[in-house]
């Protein structure tokens, strides 16, 4: 039997992957750069949400096994990832 948190994390990733594939098929069907760019922009919203959600679920799952200082280091690492991505 799968751990509930691992199953939730995997489910989020599968749904995200299905959205990516669906978006790619829509882009091919539209066959126009401007419309494909709009579809791609919509995916830009989904990606960070899935990353945050799966990371949060993972942290919830291991929070009881980690010391508070290690948990803060992991959270700082995730924050640095977002700063690096969003910094212009």
C-alpha atoms as a PDB file:
ATOM      1  CA  UNK A   1       0.000   0.000   0.000  1.00  0.00           C
ATOM      2  CA  UNK A   2       1.265   3.487  -0.817  1.00  0.00           C
ATOM      3  CA  UNK A   3       1.767   6.150   1.804  1.00  0.00           C
ATOM      4  CA  UNK A   4      -1.036   8.736   1.509  1.00  0.00           C
ATOM      5  CA  UNK A   5       1.337  11.674   1.108  1.00  0.00           C
ATOM      6  CA  UNK A   6       3.457   9.908  -1.537  1.00  0.00           C
ATOM      7  CA  UNK A   7       0.290   8.962  -3.419  1.00  0.00           C
ATOM      8  CA  UNK A   8      -0.913  12.583  -3.257  1.00  0.00           C
ATOM      9  CA  UNK A   9       2.438  13.894  -4.499  1.00  0.00           C
ATOM     10  CA  UNK A  10       2.496  11.404  -7.365  1.00  0.00           C
ATOM     11  CA  UNK A  11      -1.108  12.187  -8.279  1.00  0.00           C
ATOM     12  CA  UNK A  12      -0.333  15.899  -8.494  1.00  0.00           C
ATOM     13  CA  UNK A  13       2.619  15.163 -10.787  1.00  0.00           C
ATOM     14  CA  UNK A  14       0.541  12.857 -13.014  1.00  0.00           C
ATOM     15  CA  UNK A  15      -2.183  15.488 -13.321  1.00  0.00           C
ATOM     16  CA  UNK A  16       0.468  18.101 -14.112  1.00  0.00           C
ATOM     17  CA  UNK A  17       1.996  15.836 -16.749  1.00  0.00           C
ATOM     18  CA  UNK A  18      -1.416  15.231 -18.327  1.00  0.00           C
ATOM     19  CA  UNK A  19      -1.976  18.994 -18.469  1.00  0.00           C
ATOM     20  CA  UNK A  20       1.419  19.440 -20.157  1.00  0.00           C
ATOM     21  CA  UNK A  21       0.633  16.793 -22.774  1.00  0.00           C
ATOM     22  CA  UNK A  22      -2.836  18.225 -23.354  1.00  0.00           C
ATOM     23  CA  UNK A  23      -1.356  21.704 -23.779  1.00  0.00           C
ATOM     24  CA  UNK A  24       1.164  20.377 -26.298  1.00  0.00           C
ATOM     25  CA  UNK A  25      -1.619  18.755 -28.295  1.00  0.00           C
ATOM     26  CA  UNK A  26      -3.649  21.982 -28.212  1.00  0.00           C
ATOM     27  CA  UNK A  27      -0.617  23.917 -29.450  1.00  0.00           C
ATOM     28  CA  UNK A  28      -0.189  21.510 -32.339  1.00  0.00           C
ATOM     29  CA  UNK A  29      -3.881  21.691 -33.178  1.00  0.00           C
ATOM     30  CA  UNK A  30      -3.936  25.505 -33.111  1.00  0.00           C
ATOM     31  CA  UNK A  31      -0.802  25.669 -35.262  1.00  0.00           C
ATOM     32  CA  UNK A  32      -0.330  29.400 -34.580  1.00  0.00           C
ATOM     33  CA  UNK A  33       2.571  30.850 -32.631  1.00  0.00           C
ATOM     34  CA  UNK A  34       0.547  33.534 -30.845  1.00  0.00           C
ATOM     35  CA  UNK A  35      -2.105  31.082 -29.641  1.00  0.00           C
ATOM     36  CA  UNK A  36       0.507  28.503 -28.664  1.00  0.00           C
ATOM     37  CA  UNK A  37       2.238  31.183 -26.603  1.00  0.00           C
ATOM     38  CA  UNK A  38      -1.034  31.855 -24.769  1.00  0.00           C
ATOM     39  CA  UNK A  39      -1.418  28.163 -23.975  1.00  0.00           C
ATOM     40  CA  UNK A  40       2.192  28.063 -22.790  1.00  0.00           C
ATOM     41  CA  UNK A  41       1.578  31.081 -20.562  1.00  0.00           C
ATOM     42  CA  UNK A  42      -1.280  29.251 -18.903  1.00  0.00           C
ATOM     43  CA  UNK A  43       1.105  26.415 -18.090  1.00  0.00           C
ATOM     44  CA  UNK A  44       3.433  28.898 -16.420  1.00  0.00           C
ATOM     45  CA  UNK A  45       0.820  29.272 -13.693  1.00  0.00           C
ATOM     46  CA  UNK A  46       0.386  25.525 -13.167  1.00  0.00           C
ATOM     47  CA  UNK A  47       4.089  24.634 -12.832  1.00  0.00           C
ATOM     48  CA  UNK A  48       4.936  26.652  -9.711  1.00  0.00           C
ATOM     49  CA  UNK A  49       1.663  25.627  -8.067  1.00  0.00           C
ATOM     50  CA  UNK A  50       2.476  21.947  -8.556  1.00  0.00           C
ATOM     51  CA  UNK A  51       6.041  22.476  -7.286  1.00  0.00           C
ATOM     52  CA  UNK A  52       4.802  24.255  -4.171  1.00  0.00           C
ATOM     53  CA  UNK A  53       2.060  21.714  -3.540  1.00  0.00           C
ATOM     54  CA  UNK A  54       4.252  18.633  -3.886  1.00  0.00           C
ATOM     55  CA  UNK A  55       7.003  20.225  -1.797  1.00  0.00           C
ATOM     56  CA  UNK A  56       4.521  21.190   0.902  1.00  0.00           C
ATOM     57  CA  UNK A  57       3.097  17.679   0.980  1.00  0.00           C
ATOM     58  CA  UNK A  58       6.587  16.205   1.195  1.00  0.00           C
ATOM     59  CA  UNK A  59       7.545  18.552   4.020  1.00  0.00           C
ATOM     60  CA  UNK A  60       4.385  17.668   5.894  1.00  0.00           C
ATOM     61  CA  UNK A  61       5.254  14.002   5.497  1.00  0.00           C
ATOM     62  CA  UNK A  62       8.788  14.319   6.858  1.00  0.00           C
ATOM     63  CA  UNK A  63       8.230  17.127   9.367  1.00  0.00           C
ATOM     64  CA  UNK A  64       7.849  14.731  12.269  1.00  0.00           C
ATOM     65  CA  UNK A  65      11.118  12.967  11.397  1.00  0.00           C
ATOM     66  CA  UNK A  66      13.264  16.102  10.998  1.00  0.00           C
ATOM     67  CA  UNK A  67      14.594  18.567  13.503  1.00  0.00           C
ATOM     68  CA  UNK A  68      13.227  22.086  13.331  1.00  0.00           C
ATOM     69  CA  UNK A  69      16.569  23.508  12.125  1.00  0.00           C
ATOM     70  CA  UNK A  70      16.768  21.028   9.225  1.00  0.00           C
ATOM     71  CA  UNK A  71      13.175  21.796   8.289  1.00  0.00           C
ATOM     72  CA  UNK A  72      14.046  25.520   8.185  1.00  0.00           C
ATOM     73  CA  UNK A  73      17.023  24.768   5.919  1.00  0.00           C
ATOM     74  CA  UNK A  74      14.785  22.861   3.501  1.00  0.00           C
ATOM     75  CA  UNK A  75      12.252  25.708   3.481  1.00  0.00           C
ATOM     76  CA  UNK A  76      15.055  28.201   2.859  1.00  0.00           C
ATOM     77  CA  UNK A  77      16.236  26.076  -0.074  1.00  0.00           C
ATOM     78  CA  UNK A  78      12.770  26.078  -1.612  1.00  0.00           C
ATOM     79  CA  UNK A  79      12.576  29.851  -1.098  1.00  0.00           C
ATOM     80  CA  UNK A  80      15.925  30.268  -2.861  1.00  0.00           C
ATOM     81  CA  UNK A  81      14.668  28.226  -5.801  1.00  0.00           C
ATOM     82  CA  UNK A  82      11.717  30.592  -6.212  1.00  0.00           C
ATOM     83  CA  UNK A  83      13.860  33.687  -5.783  1.00  0.00           C
ATOM     84  CA  UNK A  84      16.212  32.381  -8.469  1.00  0.00           C
ATOM     85  CA  UNK A  85      13.352  31.617 -10.826  1.00  0.00           C
ATOM     86  CA  UNK A  86      11.426  34.831 -10.320  1.00  0.00           C
ATOM     87  CA  UNK A  87      14.385  37.240 -10.082  1.00  0.00           C
ATOM     88  CA  UNK A  88      14.850  39.285 -13.249  1.00  0.00           C
END
